[in-house]
Amino acid sequence: VKVSVNGQRKQDYVRTAYSKGLGKNKVMYRHVLRNSLIPVITIFG
């Protein structure tokens, strides 16, 4: 999760979300975390 989240936070869509005025928690849990879950789902399986 740590590696995946750090990787997603550097993506362009994160900067776009912040530029739209979204708060830090919304960006983190609605966008970044969701896109970071693929490797986590593999581990869970």
PDB file of all heavy atoms in Angstrom:
ATOM      1  N   VAL A   1       0.836  -1.205   0.000  1.00  0.00           N
ATOM      2  CA  VAL A   1       0.000   0.000   0.000  1.00  0.00           C
ATOM      3  C   VAL A   1       0.869   1.252   0.000  1.00  0.00           C
ATOM      4  O   VAL A   1       0.611   2.207  -0.748  1.00  0.00           O
ATOM      5  CB  VAL A   1      -0.945  -0.002   1.224  1.00  0.00           C
ATOM      6  CG1 VAL A   1      -1.629   1.356   1.380  1.00  0.00           C
ATOM      7  CG2 VAL A   1      -1.993  -1.087   1.081  1.00  0.00           C
ATOM      8  N   LYS A   2       1.894   1.256   0.826  1.00  0.00           N
ATOM      9  CA  LYS A   2       2.773   2.427   0.901  1.00  0.00           C
ATOM     10  C   LYS A   2       3.429   2.723  -0.437  1.00  0.00           C
ATOM     11  O   LYS A   2       3.417   3.871  -0.914  1.00  0.00           O
ATOM     12  CB  LYS A   2       3.838   2.200   1.980  1.00  0.00           C
ATOM     13  CG  LYS A   2       4.808   3.355   2.123  1.00  0.00           C
ATOM     14  CD  LYS A   2       5.902   3.047   3.134  1.00  0.00           C
ATOM     15  CE  LYS A   2       6.926   4.173   3.180  1.00  0.00           C
ATOM     16  NZ  LYS A   2       8.033   3.887   4.124  1.00  0.00           N
ATOM     17  N   VAL A   3       4.013   1.703  -1.058  1.00  0.00           N
ATOM     18  CA  VAL A   3       4.685   1.895  -2.348  1.00  0.00           C
ATOM     19  C   VAL A   3       3.692   2.316  -3.424  1.00  0.00           C
ATOM     20  O   VAL A   3       3.951   3.220  -4.226  1.00  0.00           O
ATOM     21  CB  VAL A   3       5.425   0.604  -2.761  1.00  0.00           C
ATOM     22  CG1 VAL A   3       5.967   0.720  -4.174  1.00  0.00           C
ATOM     23  CG2 VAL A   3       6.556   0.302  -1.781  1.00  0.00           C
ATOM     24  N   SER A   4       2.530   1.670  -3.445  1.00  0.00           N
ATOM     25  CA  SER A   4       1.530   1.957  -4.478  1.00  0.00           C
ATOM     26  C   SER A   4       0.958   3.360  -4.320  1.00  0.00           C
ATOM     27  O   SER A   4       0.788   4.088  -5.307  1.00  0.00           O
ATOM     28  CB  SER A   4       0.417   0.911  -4.422  1.00  0.00           C
ATOM     29  OG  SER A   4      -0.491   1.092  -5.476  1.00  0.00           O
ATOM     30  N   VAL A   5       0.658   3.744  -3.082  1.00  0.00           N
ATOM     31  CA  VAL A   5       0.111   5.089  -2.834  1.00  0.00           C
ATOM     32  C   VAL A   5       1.131   6.159  -3.204  1.00  0.00           C
ATOM     33  O   VAL A   5       0.793   7.168  -3.845  1.00  0.00           O
ATOM     34  CB  VAL A   5      -0.331   5.230  -1.357  1.00  0.00           C
ATOM     35  CG1 VAL A   5      -0.602   6.692  -1.017  1.00  0.00           C
ATOM     36  CG2 VAL A   5      -1.573   4.407  -1.097  1.00  0.00           C
ATOM     37  N   ASN A   6       2.382   5.973  -2.811  1.00  0.00           N
ATOM     38  CA  ASN A   6       3.417   6.953  -3.170  1.00  0.00           C
ATOM     39  C   ASN A   6       3.569   7.074  -4.677  1.00  0.00           C
ATOM     40  O   ASN A   6       3.816   8.167  -5.202  1.00  0.00           O
ATOM     41  CB  ASN A   6       4.758   6.554  -2.538  1.00  0.00           C
ATOM     42  CG  ASN A   6       4.823   6.899  -1.061  1.00  0.00           C
ATOM     43  OD1 ASN A   6       4.168   7.833  -0.604  1.00  0.00           O
ATOM     44  ND2 ASN A   6       5.617   6.155  -0.308  1.00  0.00           N
ATOM     45  N   GLY A   7       3.425   5.956  -5.388  1.00  0.00           N
ATOM     46  CA  GLY A   7       3.506   6.003  -6.840  1.00  0.00           C
ATOM     47  C   GLY A   7       2.328   6.737  -7.464  1.00  0.00           C
ATOM     48  O   GLY A   7       2.498   7.523  -8.403  1.00  0.00           O
ATOM     49  N   GLN A   8       1.120   6.502  -6.937  1.00  0.00           N
ATOM     50  CA  GLN A   8      -0.073   7.146  -7.484  1.00  0.00           C
ATOM     51  C   GLN A   8      -0.110   8.640  -7.192  1.00  0.00           C
ATOM     52  O   GLN A   8      -0.642   9.413  -8.000  1.00  0.00           O
ATOM     53  CB  GLN A   8      -1.331   6.484  -6.903  1.00  0.00           C
ATOM     54  CG  GLN A   8      -1.579   5.079  -7.388  1.00  0.00           C
ATOM     55  CD  GLN A   8      -1.875   5.008  -8.863  1.00  0.00           C
ATOM     56  OE1 GLN A   8      -2.530   5.883  -9.417  1.00  0.00           O
ATOM     57  NE2 GLN A   8      -1.392   3.952  -9.509  1.00  0.00           N
ATOM     58  N   ARG A   9       0.459   9.050  -6.077  1.00  0.00           N
ATOM     59  CA  ARG A   9       0.429  10.477  -5.719  1.00  0.00           C
ATOM     60  C   ARG A   9       1.247  11.328  -6.678  1.00  0.00           C
ATOM     61  O   ARG A   9       1.080  12.550  -6.716  1.00  0.00           O
ATOM     62  CB  ARG A   9       0.953  10.656  -4.290  1.00  0.00           C
ATOM     63  CG  ARG A   9      -0.001  10.125  -3.243  1.00  0.00           C
ATOM     64  CD  ARG A   9       0.637  10.106  -1.873  1.00  0.00           C
ATOM     65  NE  ARG A   9       0.917  11.444  -1.390  1.00  0.00           N
ATOM     66  CZ  ARG A   9       1.528  11.705  -0.235  1.00  0.00           C
ATOM     67  NH1 ARG A   9       1.944  10.704   0.523  1.00  0.00           N
ATOM     68  NH2 ARG A   9       1.720  12.941   0.155  1.00  0.00           N
ATOM     69  N   LYS A  10       2.122  10.712  -7.455  1.00  0.00           N
ATOM     70  CA  LYS A  10       2.936  11.462  -8.417  1.00  0.00           C
ATOM     71  C   LYS A  10       2.272  11.573  -9.777  1.00  0.00           C
ATOM     72  O   LYS A  10       2.829  12.204 -10.688  1.00  0.00           O
ATOM     73  CB  LYS A  10       4.298  10.772  -8.564  1.00  0.00           C
ATOM     74  CG  LYS A  10       5.099  10.704  -7.273  1.00  0.00           C
ATOM     75  CD  LYS A  10       6.387   9.927  -7.471  1.00  0.00           C
ATOM     76  CE  LYS A  10       7.165   9.798  -6.169  1.00  0.00           C
ATOM     77  NZ  LYS A  10       8.423   8.993  -6.338  1.00  0.00           N
ATOM     78  N   GLN A  11       1.089  10.964  -9.936  1.00  0.00           N
ATOM     79  CA  GLN A  11       0.406  10.973 -11.227  1.00  0.00           C
ATOM     80  C   GLN A  11      -0.259  12.322 -11.490  1.00  0.00           C
ATOM     81  O   GLN A  11      -0.577  13.085 -10.570  1.00  0.00           O
ATOM     82  CB  GLN A  11      -0.630   9.855 -11.279  1.00  0.00           C
ATOM     83  CG  GLN A  11      -0.046   8.455 -11.094  1.00  0.00           C
ATOM     84  CD  GLN A  11       0.927   8.083 -12.191  1.00  0.00           C
ATOM     85  OE1 GLN A  11       0.701   8.365 -13.368  1.00  0.00           O
ATOM     86  NE2 GLN A  11       2.032   7.452 -11.796  1.00  0.00           N
ATOM     87  N   ASP A  12      -0.520  12.577 -12.768  1.00  0.00           N
ATOM     88  CA  ASP A  12      -1.094  13.864 -13.169  1.00  0.00           C
ATOM     89  C   ASP A  12      -2.505  14.060 -12.634  1.00  0.00           C
ATOM     90  O   ASP A  12      -2.910  15.194 -12.312  1.00  0.00           O
ATOM     91  CB  ASP A  12      -1.106  13.985 -14.694  1.00  0.00           C
ATOM     92  CG  ASP A  12       0.308  14.089 -15.276  1.00  0.00           C
ATOM     93  OD1 ASP A  12       1.215  14.513 -14.527  1.00  0.00           O
ATOM     94  OD2 ASP A  12       0.491  13.740 -16.459  1.00  0.00           O
ATOM     95  N   TYR A  13      -3.274  12.980 -12.530  1.00  0.00           N
ATOM     96  CA  TYR A  13      -4.670  13.137 -12.102  1.00  0.00           C
ATOM     97  C   TYR A  13      -4.771  13.632 -10.660  1.00  0.00           C
ATOM     98  O   TYR A  13      -5.771  14.237 -10.272  1.00  0.00           O
ATOM     99  CB  TYR A  13      -5.441  11.827 -12.273  1.00  0.00           C
ATOM    100  CG  TYR A  13      -5.130  10.757 -11.255  1.00  0.00           C
ATOM    101  CD1 TYR A  13      -5.811  10.710 -10.036  1.00  0.00           C
ATOM    102  CD2 TYR A  13      -4.168   9.796 -11.501  1.00  0.00           C
ATOM    103  CE1 TYR A  13      -5.533   9.727  -9.105  1.00  0.00           C
ATOM    104  CE2 TYR A  13      -3.881   8.817 -10.576  1.00  0.00           C
ATOM    105  CZ  TYR A  13      -4.567   8.780  -9.381  1.00  0.00           C
ATOM    106  OH  TYR A  13      -4.289   7.813  -8.459  1.00  0.00           O
ATOM    107  N   VAL A  14      -3.736  13.384  -9.867  1.00  0.00           N
ATOM    108  CA  VAL A  14      -3.742  13.869  -8.487  1.00  0.00           C
ATOM    109  C   VAL A  14      -3.591  15.386  -8.466  1.00  0.00           C
ATOM    110  O   VAL A  14      -4.308  16.092  -7.736  1.00  0.00           O
ATOM    111  CB  VAL A  14      -2.619  13.192  -7.666  1.00  0.00           C
ATOM    112  CG1 VAL A  14      -2.542  13.773  -6.251  1.00  0.00           C
ATOM    113  CG2 VAL A  14      -2.854  11.693  -7.594  1.00  0.00           C
ATOM    114  N   ARG A  15      -2.674  15.905  -9.275  1.00  0.00           N
ATOM    115  CA  ARG A  15      -2.521  17.354  -9.361  1.00  0.00           C
ATOM    116  C   ARG A  15      -3.778  18.004  -9.910  1.00  0.00           C
ATOM    117  O   ARG A  15      -4.183  19.095  -9.471  1.00  0.00           O
ATOM    118  CB  ARG A  15      -1.319  17.693 -10.250  1.00  0.00           C
ATOM    119  CG  ARG A  15       0.024  17.367  -9.609  1.00  0.00           C
ATOM    120  CD  ARG A  15       1.174  17.976 -10.395  1.00  0.00           C
ATOM    121  NE  ARG A  15       1.329  17.321 -11.691  1.00  0.00           N
ATOM    122  CZ  ARG A  15       2.105  16.253 -11.880  1.00  0.00           C
ATOM    123  NH1 ARG A  15       2.777  15.731 -10.868  1.00  0.00           N
ATOM    124  NH2 ARG A  15       2.200  15.714 -13.077  1.00  0.00           N
ATOM    125  N   THR A  16      -4.422  17.312 -10.855  1.00  0.00           N
ATOM    126  CA  THR A  16      -5.671  17.846 -11.403  1.00  0.00           C
ATOM    127  C   THR A  16      -6.760  17.888 -10.334  1.00  0.00           C
ATOM    128  O   THR A  16      -7.519  18.867 -10.244  1.00  0.00           O
ATOM    129  CB  THR A  16      -6.150  16.964 -12.577  1.00  0.00           C
ATOM    130  OG1 THR A  16      -5.133  16.921 -13.578  1.00  0.00           O
ATOM    131  CG2 THR A  16      -7.430  17.516 -13.168  1.00  0.00           C
ATOM    132  N   ALA A  17      -6.833  16.860  -9.512  1.00  0.00           N
ATOM    133  CA  ALA A  17      -7.830  16.823  -8.439  1.00  0.00           C
ATOM    134  C   ALA A  17      -7.607  17.942  -7.438  1.00  0.00           C
ATOM    135  O   ALA A  17      -8.552  18.607  -6.996  1.00  0.00           O
ATOM    136  CB  ALA A  17      -7.783  15.457  -7.735  1.00  0.00           C
ATOM    137  N   TYR A  18      -6.350  18.195  -7.088  1.00  0.00           N
ATOM    138  CA  TYR A  18      -6.048  19.294  -6.167  1.00  0.00           C
ATOM    139  C   TYR A  18      -6.376  20.642  -6.799  1.00  0.00           C
ATOM    140  O   TYR A  18      -6.858  21.570  -6.117  1.00  0.00           O
ATOM    141  CB  TYR A  18      -4.577  19.256  -5.757  1.00  0.00           C
ATOM    142  CG  TYR A  18      -4.271  18.262  -4.664  1.00  0.00           C
ATOM    143  CD1 TYR A  18      -3.319  17.260  -4.856  1.00  0.00           C
ATOM    144  CD2 TYR A  18      -4.922  18.324  -3.431  1.00  0.00           C
ATOM    145  CE1 TYR A  18      -3.027  16.341  -3.866  1.00  0.00           C
ATOM    146  CE2 TYR A  18      -4.641  17.410  -2.427  1.00  0.00           C
ATOM    147  CZ  TYR A  18      -3.691  16.417  -2.652  1.00  0.00           C
ATOM    148  OH  TYR A  18      -3.410  15.507  -1.658  1.00  0.00           O
ATOM    149  N   SER A  19      -6.128  20.775  -8.105  1.00  0.00           N
ATOM    150  CA  SER A  19      -6.408  22.037  -8.781  1.00  0.00           C
ATOM    151  C   SER A  19      -7.904  22.335  -8.853  1.00  0.00           C
ATOM    152  O   SER A  19      -8.306  23.493  -8.991  1.00  0.00           O
ATOM    153  CB  SER A  19      -5.821  22.009 -10.196  1.00  0.00           C
ATOM    154  OG  SER A  19      -6.500  21.067 -11.011  1.00  0.00           O
ATOM    155  N   LYS A  20      -8.725  21.271  -8.763  1.00  0.00           N
ATOM    156  CA  LYS A  20     -10.182  21.466  -8.748  1.00  0.00           C
ATOM    157  C   LYS A  20     -10.695  21.875  -7.382  1.00  0.00           C
ATOM    158  O   LYS A  20     -11.889  22.129  -7.216  1.00  0.00           O
ATOM    159  CB  LYS A  20     -10.873  20.171  -9.180  1.00  0.00           C
ATOM    160  CG  LYS A  20     -10.681  19.835 -10.657  1.00  0.00           C
ATOM    161  CD  LYS A  20     -11.425  18.556 -11.008  1.00  0.00           C
ATOM    162  CE  LYS A  20     -11.281  18.219 -12.476  1.00  0.00           C
ATOM    163  NZ  LYS A  20     -12.002  16.968 -12.839  1.00  0.00           N
ATOM    164  N   GLY A  21      -9.818  21.899  -6.403  1.00  0.00           N
ATOM    165  CA  GLY A  21     -10.211  22.319  -5.065  1.00  0.00           C
ATOM    166  C   GLY A  21     -10.602  21.193  -4.136  1.00  0.00           C
ATOM    167  O   GLY A  21     -11.141  21.449  -3.044  1.00  0.00           O
ATOM    168  N   LEU A  22     -10.348  19.951  -4.532  1.00  0.00           N
ATOM    169  CA  LEU A  22     -10.687  18.826  -3.658  1.00  0.00           C
ATOM    170  C   LEU A  22      -9.740  18.785  -2.464  1.00  0.00           C
ATOM    171  O   LEU A  22      -8.549  19.095  -2.574  1.00  0.00           O
ATOM    172  CB  LEU A  22     -10.590  17.507  -4.427  1.00  0.00           C
ATOM    173  CG  LEU A  22     -11.598  17.305  -5.559  1.00  0.00           C
ATOM    174  CD1 LEU A  22     -11.371  15.949  -6.231  1.00  0.00           C
ATOM    175  CD2 LEU A  22     -13.026  17.398  -5.044  1.00  0.00           C
ATOM    176  N   GLY A  23     -10.279  18.396  -1.318  1.00  0.00           N
ATOM    177  CA  GLY A  23      -9.474  18.305  -0.107  1.00  0.00           C
ATOM    178  C   GLY A  23      -8.531  17.121  -0.137  1.00  0.00           C
ATOM    179  O   GLY A  23      -8.655  16.196  -0.954  1.00  0.00           O
ATOM    180  N   LYS A  24      -7.579  17.129   0.792  1.00  0.00           N
ATOM    181  CA  LYS A  24      -6.550  16.092   0.834  1.00  0.00           C
ATOM    182  C   LYS A  24      -7.145  14.709   1.081  1.00  0.00           C
ATOM    183  O   LYS A  24      -6.769  13.734   0.436  1.00  0.00           O
ATOM    184  CB  LYS A  24      -5.542  16.433   1.933  1.00  0.00           C
ATOM    185  CG  LYS A  24      -4.410  15.444   2.056  1.00  0.00           C
ATOM    186  CD  LYS A  24      -3.447  15.879   3.148  1.00  0.00           C
ATOM    187  CE  LYS A  24      -2.325  14.875   3.292  1.00  0.00           C
ATOM    188  NZ  LYS A  24      -1.366  15.272   4.360  1.00  0.00           N
ATOM    189  N   ASN A  25      -8.097  14.630   2.013  1.00  0.00           N
ATOM    190  CA  ASN A  25      -8.705  13.327   2.324  1.00  0.00           C
ATOM    191  C   ASN A  25      -9.505  12.780   1.152  1.00  0.00           C
ATOM    192  O   ASN A  25      -9.489  11.570   0.883  1.00  0.00           O
ATOM    193  CB  ASN A  25      -9.596  13.447   3.557  1.00  0.00           C
ATOM    194  CG  ASN A  25      -8.786  13.638   4.833  1.00  0.00           C
ATOM    195  OD1 ASN A  25      -7.620  13.244   4.900  1.00  0.00           O
ATOM    196  ND2 ASN A  25      -9.396  14.251   5.832  1.00  0.00           N
ATOM    197  N   LYS A  26     -10.229  13.645   0.459  1.00  0.00           N
ATOM    198  CA  LYS A  26     -11.009  13.191  -0.696  1.00  0.00           C
ATOM    199  C   LYS A  26     -10.093  12.677  -1.803  1.00  0.00           C
ATOM    200  O   LYS A  26     -10.366  11.646  -2.433  1.00  0.00           O
ATOM    201  CB  LYS A  26     -11.885  14.327  -1.223  1.00  0.00           C
ATOM    202  CG  LYS A  26     -13.129  14.590  -0.390  1.00  0.00           C
ATOM    203  CD  LYS A  26     -14.044  15.571  -1.081  1.00  0.00           C
ATOM    204  CE  LYS A  26     -15.339  15.763  -0.277  1.00  0.00           C
ATOM    205  NZ  LYS A  26     -16.265  16.710  -0.961  1.00  0.00           N
ATOM    206  N   VAL A  27      -9.012  13.392  -2.048  1.00  0.00           N
ATOM    207  CA  VAL A  27      -8.073  12.962  -3.077  1.00  0.00           C
ATOM    208  C   VAL A  27      -7.441  11.622  -2.700  1.00  0.00           C
ATOM    209  O   VAL A  27      -7.315  10.712  -3.530  1.00  0.00           O
ATOM    210  CB  VAL A  27      -6.979  14.022  -3.292  1.00  0.00           C
ATOM    211  CG1 VAL A  27      -5.905  13.500  -4.245  1.00  0.00           C
ATOM    212  CG2 VAL A  27      -7.583  15.301  -3.835  1.00  0.00           C
ATOM    213  N   MET A  28      -7.079  11.501  -1.411  1.00  0.00           N
ATOM    214  CA  MET A  28      -6.393  10.301  -0.961  1.00  0.00           C
ATOM    215  C   MET A  28      -7.311   9.086  -1.008  1.00  0.00           C
ATOM    216  O   MET A  28      -6.959   8.047  -1.571  1.00  0.00           O
ATOM    217  CB  MET A  28      -5.869  10.502   0.456  1.00  0.00           C
ATOM    218  CG  MET A  28      -5.207   9.266   1.076  1.00  0.00           C
ATOM    219  SD  MET A  28      -3.737   8.714   0.188  1.00  0.00           S
ATOM    220  CE  MET A  28      -2.603  10.038   0.643  1.00  0.00           C
ATOM    221  N   TYR A  29      -8.488   9.178  -0.406  1.00  0.00           N
ATOM    222  CA  TYR A  29      -9.330   7.991  -0.234  1.00  0.00           C
ATOM    223  C   TYR A  29     -10.280   7.746  -1.406  1.00  0.00           C
ATOM    224  O   TYR A  29     -10.713   6.609  -1.609  1.00  0.00           O
ATOM    225  CB  TYR A  29     -10.138   8.121   1.070  1.00  0.00           C
ATOM    226  CG  TYR A  29      -9.254   8.054   2.292  1.00  0.00           C
ATOM    227  CD1 TYR A  29      -8.885   9.211   2.963  1.00  0.00           C
ATOM    228  CD2 TYR A  29      -8.758   6.844   2.747  1.00  0.00           C
ATOM    229  CE1 TYR A  29      -8.055   9.153   4.085  1.00  0.00           C
ATOM    230  CE2 TYR A  29      -7.934   6.768   3.860  1.00  0.00           C
ATOM    231  CZ  TYR A  29      -7.581   7.932   4.520  1.00  0.00           C
ATOM    232  OH  TYR A  29      -6.754   7.870   5.617  1.00  0.00           O
ATOM    233  N   ARG A  30     -10.611   8.784  -2.170  1.00  0.00           N
ATOM    234  CA  ARG A  30     -11.530   8.573  -3.285  1.00  0.00           C
ATOM    235  C   ARG A  30     -10.793   8.246  -4.583  1.00  0.00           C
ATOM    236  O   ARG A  30     -11.321   7.515  -5.434  1.00  0.00           O
ATOM    237  CB  ARG A  30     -12.398   9.810  -3.496  1.00  0.00           C
ATOM    238  CG  ARG A  30     -13.441   9.651  -4.598  1.00  0.00           C
ATOM    239  CD  ARG A  30     -14.330  10.872  -4.721  1.00  0.00           C
ATOM    240  NE  ARG A  30     -15.101  11.114  -3.507  1.00  0.00           N
ATOM    241  CZ  ARG A  30     -15.953  12.150  -3.364  1.00  0.00           C
ATOM    242  NH1 ARG A  30     -16.102  13.017  -4.361  1.00  0.00           N
ATOM    243  NH2 ARG A  30     -16.626  12.301  -2.254  1.00  0.00           N
ATOM    244  N   HIS A  31      -9.595   8.765  -4.742  1.00  0.00           N
ATOM    245  CA  HIS A  31      -8.871   8.586  -6.003  1.00  0.00           C
ATOM    246  C   HIS A  31      -7.589   7.767  -5.835  1.00  0.00           C
ATOM    247  O   HIS A  31      -7.424   6.731  -6.478  1.00  0.00           O
ATOM    248  CB  HIS A  31      -8.540   9.958  -6.605  1.00  0.00           C
ATOM    249  CG  HIS A  31      -9.745  10.783  -6.930  1.00  0.00           C
ATOM    250  ND1 HIS A  31     -10.541  10.533  -8.021  1.00  0.00           N
ATOM    251  CD2 HIS A  31     -10.307  11.855  -6.291  1.00  0.00           C
ATOM    252  CE1 HIS A  31     -11.545  11.407  -8.058  1.00  0.00           C
ATOM    253  NE2 HIS A  31     -11.417  12.225  -7.020  1.00  0.00           N
ATOM    254  N   VAL A  32      -6.686   8.252  -5.001  1.00  0.00           N
ATOM    255  CA  VAL A  32      -5.376   7.609  -4.883  1.00  0.00           C
ATOM    256  C   VAL A  32      -5.495   6.182  -4.346  1.00  0.00           C
ATOM    257  O   VAL A  32      -4.933   5.240  -4.912  1.00  0.00           O
ATOM    258  CB  VAL A  32      -4.446   8.449  -3.969  1.00  0.00           C
ATOM    259  CG1 VAL A  32      -3.129   7.699  -3.729  1.00  0.00           C
ATOM    260  CG2 VAL A  32      -4.171   9.802  -4.598  1.00  0.00           C
ATOM    261  N   LEU A  33      -6.237   6.015  -3.245  1.00  0.00           N
ATOM    262  CA  LEU A  33      -6.339   4.697  -2.624  1.00  0.00           C
ATOM    263  C   LEU A  33      -7.015   3.693  -3.550  1.00  0.00           C
ATOM    264  O   LEU A  33      -6.581   2.534  -3.652  1.00  0.00           O
ATOM    265  CB  LEU A  33      -7.093   4.786  -1.302  1.00  0.00           C
ATOM    266  CG  LEU A  33      -7.230   3.478  -0.521  1.00  0.00           C
ATOM    267  CD1 LEU A  33      -5.851   2.907  -0.203  1.00  0.00           C
ATOM    268  CD2 LEU A  33      -8.019   3.689   0.762  1.00  0.00           C
ATOM    269  N   ARG A  34      -8.054   4.121  -4.231  1.00  0.00           N
ATOM    270  CA  ARG A  34      -8.760   3.202  -5.124  1.00  0.00           C
ATOM    271  C   ARG A  34      -7.848   2.704  -6.233  1.00  0.00           C
ATOM    272  O   ARG A  34      -7.857   1.518  -6.574  1.00  0.00           O
ATOM    273  CB  ARG A  34      -9.981   3.891  -5.717  1.00  0.00           C
ATOM    274  CG  ARG A  34     -10.791   2.989  -6.624  1.00  0.00           C
ATOM    275  CD  ARG A  34     -12.102   3.610  -7.015  1.00  0.00           C
ATOM    276  NE  ARG A  34     -12.889   2.707  -7.830  1.00  0.00           N
ATOM    277  CZ  ARG A  34     -14.118   2.962  -8.261  1.00  0.00           C
ATOM    278  NH1 ARG A  34     -14.707   4.103  -7.929  1.00  0.00           N
ATOM    279  NH2 ARG A  34     -14.766   2.094  -9.006  1.00  0.00           N
ATOM    280  N   ASN A  35      -7.046   3.596  -6.789  1.00  0.00           N
ATOM    281  CA  ASN A  35      -6.133   3.187  -7.854  1.00  0.00           C
ATOM    282  C   ASN A  35      -4.927   2.412  -7.322  1.00  0.00           C
ATOM    283  O   ASN A  35      -4.171   1.837  -8.111  1.00  0.00           O
ATOM    284  CB  ASN A  35      -5.643   4.411  -8.632  1.00  0.00           C
ATOM    285  CG  ASN A  35      -6.743   5.047  -9.470  1.00  0.00           C
ATOM    286  OD1 ASN A  35      -7.635   4.364  -9.951  1.00  0.00           O
ATOM    287  ND2 ASN A  35      -6.687   6.362  -9.618  1.00  0.00           N
ATOM    288  N   SER A  36      -4.750   2.410  -6.009  1.00  0.00           N
ATOM    289  CA  SER A  36      -3.629   1.690  -5.404  1.00  0.00           C
ATOM    290  C   SER A  36      -4.010   0.300  -4.929  1.00  0.00           C
ATOM    291  O   SER A  36      -3.154  -0.430  -4.419  1.00  0.00           O
ATOM    292  CB  SER A  36      -3.084   2.491  -4.204  1.00  0.00           C
ATOM    293  OG  SER A  36      -2.722   3.801  -4.570  1.00  0.00           O
ATOM    294  N   LEU A  37      -5.268  -0.075  -5.089  1.00  0.00           N
ATOM    295  CA  LEU A  37      -5.750  -1.311  -4.491  1.00  0.00           C
ATOM    296  C   LEU A  37      -5.464  -2.568  -5.301  1.00  0.00           C
ATOM    297  O   LEU A  37      -5.625  -3.667  -4.782  1.00  0.00           O
ATOM    298  CB  LEU A  37      -7.269  -1.214  -4.252  1.00  0.00           C
ATOM    299  CG  LEU A  37      -7.708  -0.333  -3.079  1.00  0.00           C
ATOM    300  CD1 LEU A  37      -9.229  -0.330  -2.975  1.00  0.00           C
ATOM    301  CD2 LEU A  37      -7.094  -0.811  -1.772  1.00  0.00           C
ATOM    302  N   ILE A  38      -5.073  -2.420  -6.572  1.00  0.00           N
ATOM    303  CA  ILE A  38      -4.865  -3.604  -7.412  1.00  0.00           C
ATOM    304  C   ILE A  38      -3.832  -4.559  -6.811  1.00  0.00           C
ATOM    305  O   ILE A  38      -4.115  -5.761  -6.651  1.00  0.00           O
ATOM    306  CB  ILE A  38      -4.480  -3.197  -8.847  1.00  0.00           C
ATOM    307  CG1 ILE A  38      -5.651  -2.465  -9.523  1.00  0.00           C
ATOM    308  CG2 ILE A  38      -4.102  -4.432  -9.653  1.00  0.00           C
ATOM    309  CD1 ILE A  38      -6.912  -3.292  -9.632  1.00  0.00           C
ATOM    310  N   PRO A  39      -2.630  -4.096  -6.455  1.00  0.00           N
ATOM    311  CA  PRO A  39      -1.679  -5.044  -5.843  1.00  0.00           C
ATOM    312  C   PRO A  39      -2.149  -5.561  -4.493  1.00  0.00           C
ATOM    313  O   PRO A  39      -1.850  -6.697  -4.116  1.00  0.00           O
ATOM    314  CB  PRO A  39      -0.386  -4.221  -5.706  1.00  0.00           C
ATOM    315  CG  PRO A  39      -0.812  -2.805  -5.757  1.00  0.00           C
ATOM    316  CD  PRO A  39      -2.009  -2.778  -6.646  1.00  0.00           C
ATOM    317  N   VAL A  40      -2.901  -4.735  -3.763  1.00  0.00           N
ATOM    318  CA  VAL A  40      -3.416  -5.151  -2.449  1.00  0.00           C
ATOM    319  C   VAL A  40      -4.446  -6.264  -2.614  1.00  0.00           C
ATOM    320  O   VAL A  40      -4.463  -7.235  -1.838  1.00  0.00           O
ATOM    321  CB  VAL A  40      -4.036  -3.946  -1.710  1.00  0.00           C
ATOM    322  CG1 VAL A  40      -4.608  -4.386  -0.363  1.00  0.00           C
ATOM    323  CG2 VAL A  40      -3.006  -2.859  -1.503  1.00  0.00           C
ATOM    324  N   ILE A  41      -5.300  -6.147  -3.625  1.00  0.00           N
ATOM    325  CA  ILE A  41      -6.302  -7.187  -3.881  1.00  0.00           C
ATOM    326  C   ILE A  41      -5.617  -8.509  -4.219  1.00  0.00           C
ATOM    327  O   ILE A  41      -6.066  -9.583  -3.798  1.00  0.00           O
ATOM    328  CB  ILE A  41      -7.232  -6.749  -5.028  1.00  0.00           C
ATOM    329  CG1 ILE A  41      -8.086  -5.553  -4.582  1.00  0.00           C
ATOM    330  CG2 ILE A  41      -8.149  -7.892  -5.452  1.00  0.00           C
ATOM    331  CD1 ILE A  41      -8.872  -4.912  -5.703  1.00  0.00           C
ATOM    332  N   THR A  42      -4.514  -8.433  -4.963  1.00  0.00           N
ATOM    333  CA  THR A  42      -3.759  -9.649  -5.288  1.00  0.00           C
ATOM    334  C   THR A  42      -3.252 -10.329  -4.019  1.00  0.00           C
ATOM    335  O   THR A  42      -3.367 -11.544  -3.859  1.00  0.00           O
ATOM    336  CB  THR A  42      -2.578  -9.303  -6.200  1.00  0.00           C
ATOM    337  OG1 THR A  42      -3.054  -8.637  -7.375  1.00  0.00           O
ATOM    338  CG2 THR A  42      -1.831 -10.562  -6.613  1.00  0.00           C
ATOM    339  N   ILE A  43      -2.685  -9.530  -3.114  1.00  0.00           N
ATOM    340  CA  ILE A  43      -2.185 -10.073  -1.845  1.00  0.00           C
ATOM    341  C   ILE A  43      -3.326 -10.671  -1.035  1.00  0.00           C
ATOM    342  O   ILE A  43      -3.193 -11.748  -0.428  1.00  0.00           O
ATOM    343  CB  ILE A  43      -1.477  -8.973  -1.041  1.00  0.00           C
ATOM    344  CG1 ILE A  43      -0.231  -8.497  -1.785  1.00  0.00           C
ATOM    345  CG2 ILE A  43      -1.095  -9.479   0.344  1.00  0.00           C
ATOM    346  CD1 ILE A  43       0.800  -9.576  -1.995  1.00  0.00           C
ATOM    347  N   PHE A  44      -4.479 -10.016  -1.036  1.00  0.00           N
ATOM    348  CA  PHE A  44      -5.627 -10.521  -0.287  1.00  0.00           C
ATOM    349  C   PHE A  44      -6.104 -11.851  -0.858  1.00  0.00           C
ATOM    350  O   PHE A  44      -6.481 -12.756  -0.102  1.00  0.00           O
ATOM    351  CB  PHE A  44      -6.778  -9.499  -0.313  1.00  0.00           C
ATOM    352  CG  PHE A  44      -6.835  -8.664   0.921  1.00  0.00           C
ATOM    353  CD1 PHE A  44      -5.934  -7.640   1.120  1.00  0.00           C
ATOM    354  CD2 PHE A  44      -7.784  -8.898   1.894  1.00  0.00           C
ATOM    355  CE1 PHE A  44      -5.966  -6.868   2.259  1.00  0.00           C
ATOM    356  CE2 PHE A  44      -7.829  -8.132   3.044  1.00  0.00           C
ATOM    357  CZ  PHE A  44      -6.918  -7.106   3.225  1.00  0.00           C
ATOM    358  N   GLY A  45      -6.115 -11.966  -2.181  1.00  0.00           N
ATOM    359  CA  GLY A  45      -6.518 -13.232  -2.786  1.00  0.00           C
ATOM    360  C   GLY A  45      -5.588 -14.363  -2.420  1.00  0.00           C
ATOM    361  O   GLY A  45      -6.029 -15.473  -2.094  1.00  0.00           O
TER     362      GLY A  45
END
